[in-house]
Protein backbone atom coordinates (compact mmCIF):
# COMPACT_ATOMS: atom_id res chain seq x y z
CA UNK A 1 -32.93 -10.93 -82.91
CA UNK A 2 -36.37 -10.70 -84.58
CA UNK A 3 -35.27 -7.65 -86.62
CA UNK A 4 -32.18 -9.53 -87.75
CA UNK A 5 -34.27 -12.57 -88.74
CA UNK A 6 -36.75 -10.38 -90.67
CA UNK A 7 -33.77 -8.95 -92.55
CA UNK A 8 -32.46 -12.45 -93.36
CA UNK A 9 -35.93 -13.47 -94.61
CA UNK A 10 -36.01 -10.44 -96.95
CA UNK A 11 -32.47 -11.16 -98.14
CA UNK A 12 -33.36 -14.77 -98.99
CA UNK A 13 -36.38 -13.62 -101.03
CA UNK A 14 -34.13 -11.16 -102.90
CA UNK A 15 -31.49 -13.84 -103.57
CA UNK A 16 -34.11 -16.25 -104.93
CA UNK A 17 -35.39 -13.48 -107.24
CA UNK A 18 -31.84 -12.87 -108.49
CA UNK A 19 -31.35 -16.59 -109.19
CA UNK A 20 -34.38 -16.48 -111.51
CA UNK A 21 -32.77 -13.66 -113.54
CA UNK A 22 -31.51 -15.09 -116.90
CA UNK A 23 -28.41 -12.83 -116.75
CA UNK A 24 -27.44 -14.32 -113.39
CA UNK A 25 -28.20 -17.87 -114.54
CA UNK A 26 -25.81 -17.43 -117.47
CA UNK A 27 -23.00 -16.19 -115.19
CA UNK A 28 -21.78 -19.44 -113.65
CA UNK A 29 -19.55 -17.84 -110.99
CA UNK A 30 -22.23 -15.41 -109.77
CA UNK A 31 -24.91 -18.12 -109.82
CA UNK A 32 -22.66 -20.40 -107.76
CA UNK A 33 -21.97 -17.65 -105.17
CA UNK A 34 -25.67 -16.74 -104.83
CA UNK A 35 -26.68 -20.42 -104.59
CA UNK A 36 -24.19 -20.90 -101.75
CA UNK A 37 -25.71 -17.91 -99.90
CA UNK A 38 -29.22 -19.30 -100.41
CA UNK A 39 -28.10 -22.67 -99.07
CA UNK A 40 -26.65 -21.04 -95.92
CA UNK A 41 -29.67 -18.82 -95.23
CA UNK A 42 -32.48 -21.31 -95.98
CA UNK A 43 -32.16 -23.37 -92.74
CA UNK A 44 -32.26 -20.13 -90.67
CA UNK A 45 -35.40 -18.89 -92.44
CA UNK A 46 -37.09 -22.30 -92.13
CA UNK A 47 -36.36 -22.32 -88.37
CA UNK A 48 -37.69 -18.73 -88.10
CA UNK A 49 -40.90 -19.79 -89.90
CA UNK A 50 -41.36 -22.51 -87.24
CA UNK A 51 -40.85 -19.85 -84.56
CA UNK A 52 -43.43 -17.46 -86.11
CA UNK A 53 -45.91 -20.35 -86.47
CA UNK A 54 -45.53 -21.15 -82.75
CA UNK A 55 -45.91 -17.44 -81.89
CA UNK A 56 -49.04 -17.20 -84.05
CA UNK A 57 -50.48 -20.29 -82.34
CA UNK A 58 -49.86 -18.73 -78.92
CA UNK A 59 -51.53 -15.42 -79.92
CA UNK A 60 -54.57 -17.18 -81.43
CA UNK A 61 -55.03 -19.33 -78.31
CA UNK A 62 -54.73 -16.23 -76.09
CA UNK A 63 -57.43 -14.41 -78.07
CA UNK A 64 -59.75 -17.42 -77.85
CA UNK A 65 -59.13 -17.66 -74.09
CA UNK A 66 -60.33 -14.06 -73.68
CA UNK A 67 -63.69 -14.88 -75.29
CA UNK A 68 -66.69 -15.05 -72.96
CA UNK A 69 -68.81 -18.10 -72.36
CA UNK A 70 -66.02 -20.70 -72.54
CA UNK A 71 -66.50 -23.85 -70.50
CA UNK A 72 -63.80 -25.13 -68.13
CA UNK A 73 -62.62 -27.89 -70.47
CA UNK A 74 -62.09 -25.47 -73.38
CA UNK A 75 -60.21 -23.04 -71.12
CA UNK A 76 -57.90 -25.79 -69.86
CA UNK A 77 -57.20 -26.93 -73.42
CA UNK A 78 -56.32 -23.37 -74.52
CA UNK A 79 -54.09 -22.81 -71.48
CA UNK A 80 -52.25 -26.04 -72.37
CA UNK A 81 -51.85 -24.91 -76.00
CA UNK A 82 -50.43 -21.55 -74.87
CA UNK A 83 -47.91 -23.31 -72.61
CA UNK A 84 -46.86 -25.71 -75.39
CA UNK A 85 -46.43 -22.82 -77.85
CA UNK A 86 -44.35 -20.84 -75.32
CA UNK A 87 -42.05 -23.84 -74.72
CA UNK A 88 -41.71 -24.34 -78.47
CA UNK A 89 -40.85 -20.64 -78.96
CA UNK A 90 -38.18 -20.80 -76.23
CA UNK A 91 -36.61 -23.92 -77.78
CA UNK A 92 -36.61 -22.44 -81.29
CA UNK A 93 -35.24 -19.10 -80.03
CA UNK A 94 -32.27 -20.91 -78.47
CA UNK A 95 -31.62 -22.79 -81.73
CA UNK A 96 -31.88 -19.54 -83.73
CA UNK A 97 -29.38 -17.79 -81.43
CA UNK A 98 -26.84 -20.51 -82.24
CA UNK A 99 -27.62 -20.34 -85.97
CA UNK A 100 -27.04 -16.56 -85.90
CA UNK A 101 -23.60 -16.85 -84.26
CA UNK A 102 -20.78 -15.62 -86.53
CA UNK A 103 -19.76 -18.55 -88.69
CA UNK A 104 -16.14 -19.60 -89.02
CA UNK A 105 -15.35 -18.53 -92.62
CA UNK A 106 -13.31 -21.71 -93.09
CA UNK A 107 -16.02 -24.16 -91.96
CA UNK A 108 -17.02 -25.19 -95.49
CA UNK A 109 -13.44 -25.68 -96.70
CA UNK A 110 -11.65 -28.96 -97.35
CA UNK A 111 -8.81 -29.71 -94.94
CA UNK A 112 -5.25 -30.95 -94.91
CA UNK A 113 -4.43 -32.99 -91.81
CA UNK A 114 -0.81 -33.48 -90.74
CA UNK A 115 -0.03 -36.16 -88.14
CA UNK A 116 3.45 -36.41 -86.62
CA UNK A 117 4.91 -38.86 -84.15
CA UNK A 118 6.03 -37.16 -80.94
CA UNK A 119 7.43 -38.47 -77.67
CA UNK A 120 7.58 -42.25 -77.57
CA UNK A 121 9.57 -43.25 -80.65
CA UNK A 122 8.19 -46.21 -82.61
CA UNK A 123 5.10 -46.45 -80.39
CA UNK A 124 4.26 -42.83 -81.20
CA UNK A 125 4.71 -43.52 -84.93
CA UNK A 126 2.40 -46.56 -84.66
CA UNK A 127 -0.24 -44.42 -82.96
CA UNK A 128 0.09 -41.84 -85.76
CA UNK A 129 -1.04 -44.71 -88.03
CA UNK A 130 -3.98 -45.44 -85.71
CA UNK A 131 -5.08 -41.78 -85.84
CA UNK A 132 -4.74 -41.72 -89.65
CA UNK A 133 -7.00 -44.81 -89.84
CA UNK A 134 -9.51 -43.23 -87.40
CA UNK A 135 -9.76 -40.01 -89.42
CA UNK A 136 -9.96 -41.90 -92.73
CA UNK A 137 -12.82 -44.06 -91.42
CA UNK A 138 -14.63 -41.03 -90.01
CA UNK A 139 -14.23 -39.21 -93.35
CA UNK A 140 -15.69 -42.26 -95.13
CA UNK A 141 -18.71 -42.27 -92.78
CA UNK A 142 -19.33 -38.59 -93.65
CA UNK A 143 -18.99 -39.26 -97.38
CA UNK A 144 -15.71 -37.30 -97.64
CA UNK A 145 -12.85 -38.19 -99.97
CA UNK A 146 -9.31 -38.60 -98.59
CA UNK A 147 -5.99 -38.50 -100.42
CA UNK A 148 -2.47 -38.91 -99.03
CA UNK A 149 -0.31 -35.87 -99.82
CA UNK A 150 2.96 -37.19 -98.36
CA UNK A 151 4.09 -39.71 -95.77
CA UNK A 152 7.19 -41.09 -94.10
CA UNK A 153 6.68 -44.68 -92.93
CA UNK A 154 8.60 -46.59 -90.28
CA UNK A 155 9.76 -50.20 -90.41
CA UNK A 156 6.91 -51.47 -88.20
CA UNK A 157 4.14 -49.86 -90.25
CA UNK A 158 3.77 -46.57 -88.37
CA UNK A 159 4.32 -43.03 -89.64
CA UNK A 160 6.99 -40.55 -88.60
CA UNK A 161 4.59 -38.16 -90.31
CA UNK A 162 1.69 -38.32 -92.73
CA UNK A 163 -0.15 -35.52 -94.49
CA UNK A 164 -3.49 -36.10 -96.24
CA UNK A 165 -6.39 -34.08 -97.60
CA UNK A 166 -10.08 -34.50 -96.74
CA UNK A 167 -12.53 -33.18 -99.33
CA UNK A 168 -16.22 -32.67 -98.65
CA UNK A 169 -18.77 -30.09 -97.61
CA UNK A 170 -18.07 -28.85 -94.09
CA UNK A 171 -14.89 -30.94 -93.67
CA UNK A 172 -13.12 -28.21 -91.69
CA UNK A 173 -16.13 -27.72 -89.39
CA UNK A 174 -15.86 -31.38 -88.33
CA UNK A 175 -12.08 -31.80 -88.15
CA UNK A 176 -10.98 -28.40 -86.79
CA UNK A 177 -11.15 -29.55 -83.16
CA UNK A 178 -8.45 -32.20 -83.74
CA UNK A 179 -5.44 -29.85 -83.73
CA UNK A 180 -3.14 -30.46 -80.78
CA UNK A 181 -1.34 -33.22 -78.88
CA UNK A 182 -3.02 -36.64 -78.66
CA UNK A 183 -1.75 -38.87 -75.84
CA UNK A 184 -1.99 -42.67 -75.89
CA UNK A 185 -1.62 -44.99 -72.91
CA UNK A 186 -1.26 -48.67 -73.80
CA UNK A 187 1.03 -51.70 -73.67
CA UNK A 188 3.20 -51.57 -76.81
CA UNK A 189 3.50 -54.71 -78.95
CA UNK A 190 7.27 -54.56 -78.36
CA UNK A 191 6.85 -54.52 -74.55
CA UNK A 192 7.53 -57.97 -73.06
CA UNK A 193 6.85 -56.99 -69.42
CA UNK A 194 3.26 -55.85 -70.10
CA UNK A 195 3.94 -52.32 -68.83
CA UNK A 196 1.75 -49.43 -69.96
CA UNK A 197 3.64 -46.77 -71.91
CA UNK A 198 2.54 -43.20 -72.56
CA UNK A 199 3.42 -41.57 -75.87
CA UNK A 200 2.18 -38.57 -77.82
CA UNK A 201 1.32 -37.71 -81.41
CA UNK A 202 0.71 -34.22 -82.78
CA UNK A 203 -2.11 -33.35 -85.19
CA UNK A 204 -2.42 -30.15 -87.24
CA UNK A 205 -5.65 -29.44 -89.14
CA UNK A 206 -5.26 -26.82 -91.88
CA UNK A 207 -8.14 -25.35 -93.91
CA UNK A 208 -7.27 -25.98 -97.54
CA UNK A 209 -6.31 -22.67 -99.13
CA UNK A 210 -7.37 -21.66 -102.61
CA UNK A 211 -5.02 -19.57 -104.73
CA UNK A 212 -7.25 -16.55 -104.01
CA UNK A 213 -6.83 -17.08 -100.24
CA UNK A 214 -3.03 -17.07 -100.30
CA UNK A 215 -1.01 -15.56 -103.11
CA UNK A 216 2.50 -16.98 -103.42
CA UNK A 217 5.16 -15.12 -105.36
CA UNK A 218 7.00 -17.72 -107.50
CA UNK A 219 10.19 -15.78 -106.74
CA UNK A 220 9.77 -16.72 -103.06
CA UNK A 221 10.01 -20.43 -103.84
CA UNK A 222 13.00 -22.72 -104.06
CA UNK A 223 12.01 -25.96 -105.77
CA UNK A 224 14.30 -28.99 -105.60
CA UNK A 225 13.77 -32.41 -107.15
CA UNK A 226 15.11 -35.65 -105.72
CA UNK A 227 14.59 -39.39 -106.04
CA UNK A 228 11.79 -40.99 -104.06
CA UNK A 229 12.70 -43.27 -101.19
CA UNK A 230 10.83 -45.97 -99.29
CA UNK A 231 7.90 -48.07 -100.51
CA UNK A 232 6.67 -47.23 -103.95
CA UNK A 233 7.39 -49.89 -106.51
CA UNK A 234 9.77 -49.97 -109.45
CA UNK A 235 9.86 -46.22 -110.10
CA UNK A 236 11.49 -45.57 -106.70
CA UNK A 237 15.07 -44.25 -107.03
CA UNK A 238 14.81 -44.48 -110.84
CA UNK A 239 13.49 -40.95 -111.53
CA UNK A 240 13.76 -37.64 -109.70
CA UNK A 241 9.99 -37.21 -109.34
CA UNK A 242 9.96 -36.18 -105.65
CA UNK A 243 9.61 -32.47 -104.95
CA UNK A 244 10.84 -30.28 -102.10
CA UNK A 245 9.39 -26.76 -101.98
CA UNK A 246 10.98 -24.18 -99.68
CA UNK A 247 9.12 -20.93 -99.01
CA UNK A 248 12.07 -18.57 -98.55
CA UNK A 249 10.35 -15.75 -96.56
CA UNK A 250 9.10 -18.16 -93.85
CA UNK A 251 11.53 -21.06 -94.21
CA UNK A 252 8.59 -23.52 -94.54
CA UNK A 253 9.56 -26.74 -96.31
CA UNK A 254 7.09 -29.15 -97.93
CA UNK A 255 8.12 -32.44 -99.50
CA UNK A 256 5.96 -34.64 -101.70
CA UNK A 257 7.02 -37.93 -103.27
CA UNK A 258 3.73 -39.81 -103.37
CA UNK A 259 3.06 -39.52 -107.09
CA UNK A 260 5.10 -40.82 -110.04
CA UNK A 261 4.61 -37.47 -111.75
CA UNK A 262 6.87 -34.57 -110.77
CA UNK A 263 4.11 -32.14 -111.81
CA UNK A 264 1.52 -33.81 -109.54
CA UNK A 265 3.95 -33.84 -106.61
CA UNK A 266 4.61 -30.13 -107.12
CA UNK A 267 0.84 -29.43 -107.24
CA UNK A 268 0.31 -31.30 -103.96
CA UNK A 269 3.28 -29.63 -102.27
CA UNK A 270 2.03 -26.15 -103.23
CA UNK A 271 -1.45 -27.03 -101.94
CA UNK A 272 0.03 -27.99 -98.55
CA UNK A 273 2.23 -24.87 -98.50
CA UNK A 274 -0.70 -22.53 -99.24
CA UNK A 275 -2.74 -24.22 -96.50
CA UNK A 276 0.09 -23.88 -93.96
CA UNK A 277 0.48 -20.18 -94.82
CA UNK A 278 -3.28 -19.63 -94.47
CA UNK A 279 -3.24 -21.46 -91.12
CA UNK A 280 -0.40 -19.19 -89.96
CA UNK A 281 -2.52 -16.15 -90.84
CA UNK A 282 -5.48 -17.59 -88.90
CA UNK A 283 -3.29 -18.28 -85.84
CA UNK A 284 -2.02 -14.67 -85.92
CA UNK A 285 -5.60 -13.34 -86.09
CA UNK A 286 -6.58 -15.51 -83.11
CA UNK A 287 -3.61 -14.19 -81.15
CA UNK A 288 -4.49 -10.59 -81.98
CA UNK A 289 -8.18 -10.88 -81.03
CA UNK A 290 -8.07 -11.57 -77.31
CA UNK A 291 -11.83 -12.15 -77.03
CA UNK A 292 -11.69 -14.77 -79.76
CA UNK A 293 -9.62 -17.08 -77.58
CA UNK A 294 -12.23 -17.16 -74.80
CA UNK A 295 -14.88 -18.29 -77.28
CA UNK A 296 -12.80 -21.19 -78.57
CA UNK A 297 -12.68 -24.77 -77.39
CA UNK A 298 -9.02 -24.96 -76.40
CA UNK A 299 -6.44 -22.55 -77.69
CA UNK A 300 -5.84 -24.18 -81.07
CA UNK A 301 -2.20 -24.37 -80.03
CA UNK A 302 -0.33 -27.31 -81.57
CA UNK A 303 1.40 -27.96 -78.22
CA UNK A 304 -1.84 -28.17 -76.23
CA UNK A 305 -2.64 -31.68 -74.95
CA UNK A 306 -6.22 -32.14 -76.05
CA UNK A 307 -7.08 -35.84 -75.65
CA UNK A 308 -6.00 -39.10 -74.03
CA UNK A 309 -6.70 -42.57 -75.44
CA UNK A 310 -6.40 -45.12 -72.61
CA UNK A 311 -6.44 -48.68 -73.97
CA UNK A 312 -6.55 -50.67 -70.66
CA UNK A 313 -9.63 -48.70 -69.53
CA UNK A 314 -11.16 -48.48 -73.03
CA UNK A 315 -11.70 -44.75 -72.60
CA UNK A 316 -11.16 -41.53 -74.53
CA UNK A 317 -10.93 -38.29 -72.51
CA UNK A 318 -11.11 -34.85 -74.09
CA UNK A 319 -9.38 -32.49 -71.68
CA UNK A 320 -10.79 -29.26 -73.18
CA UNK A 321 -14.39 -29.98 -72.19
CA UNK A 322 -13.87 -32.62 -69.50
CA UNK A 323 -15.64 -35.33 -71.54
CA UNK A 324 -14.83 -39.02 -71.04
CA UNK A 325 -16.35 -41.72 -73.24
CA UNK A 326 -15.84 -45.45 -72.61
CA UNK A 327 -16.03 -46.39 -76.28
CA UNK A 328 -12.39 -46.33 -77.37
CA UNK A 329 -12.76 -49.07 -79.99
CA UNK A 330 -15.77 -47.40 -81.63
CA UNK A 331 -14.03 -44.02 -81.78
CA UNK A 332 -10.84 -45.50 -83.24
CA UNK A 333 -13.07 -47.14 -85.89
CA UNK A 334 -14.31 -43.71 -86.97
CA UNK A 335 -17.38 -43.29 -84.75
CA UNK A 336 -16.43 -39.73 -83.78
CA UNK A 337 -19.69 -37.78 -84.09
CA UNK A 338 -20.56 -37.84 -80.36
CA UNK A 339 -17.13 -36.44 -79.53
CA UNK A 340 -17.16 -33.76 -82.23
CA UNK A 341 -20.79 -32.75 -81.55
CA UNK A 342 -19.90 -32.22 -77.86
CA UNK A 343 -16.94 -30.00 -78.83
CA UNK A 344 -19.12 -28.02 -81.25
CA UNK A 345 -21.83 -27.53 -78.61
CA UNK A 346 -19.24 -26.38 -76.06
CA UNK A 347 -17.80 -23.87 -78.53
CA UNK A 348 -21.27 -22.48 -79.34
CA UNK A 349 -22.03 -22.15 -75.62
CA UNK A 350 -18.75 -20.25 -75.12
CA UNK A 351 -19.55 -17.96 -78.06
CA UNK A 352 -23.06 -17.24 -76.72
CA UNK A 353 -21.58 -16.42 -73.32
CA UNK A 354 -18.96 -14.12 -74.85
CA UNK A 355 -21.67 -12.42 -76.92
CA UNK A 356 -23.93 -11.81 -73.90
CA UNK A 357 -21.00 -10.40 -71.91
């Protein structure tokens, strides 16, 4: 580990030298790439500097302890300093091991989140709206920007499905654990007997794909226009601004009718399509690499039941890590960090275990 960290320290020095080169500074793309690398490596090097400082403190105290003529009080103080430095080194070494774990290449990407009502009819669609609100409020807390890509509303204000983007640094690293089936247990507003119903809603979190990530042959696309339907003001049903894009090789269909402009709807639809195709590639890679699965929190399978929201008990239970929190209202209002941090910690622990094995 120390050799690896020494190498990272040297690499960071080299990158900083390159950034000072006028030729690099004038090349915007190269400067941006190098700056991103510097940003990723700096926290690791800073943590390593803390580790070497603690190691240096331990060595200095050891040397002083070996000197002759020390009184009892001085010896006790040095022994305490050595113990403190050793504890500090152990703590920092554990943190560095996690920082050196292979990083998910998609962690820094923006995301597209798709929420679909499942079993439970209207109640499921209403809960899809609750999840959309929860994610939107969490994104706002993190300083991320959200934008609806497409949605299909129900009469009571729920969503048969809603697709929206979340833009911000590290968005995928925070939302990637949300893919799967979310189960809700509550008394529906339409229930006169006060009985608790169970319904499910499915969430898919896709890393937003750039054009360089997924190349789409225009010849593989069938693009249809149609008139918007549902809420949307005077332009609805007046112009054929809605877009349906079909990717012929895979049969994937993306519809977008949120914008008045046909061009903007097409842009959004292609963004969703690219992201779905990238996600499909990622799923295939995960399936091919057997060891990868064991180091993941859950399987990432869309059909996996990942969480239960129980309204009568005010609890949220994440089934992948056996975590139950009695703060349902807070979580539904976007206070999700405790939940997501626990999932991230569990995944890192699984990766460390897989690495040691």
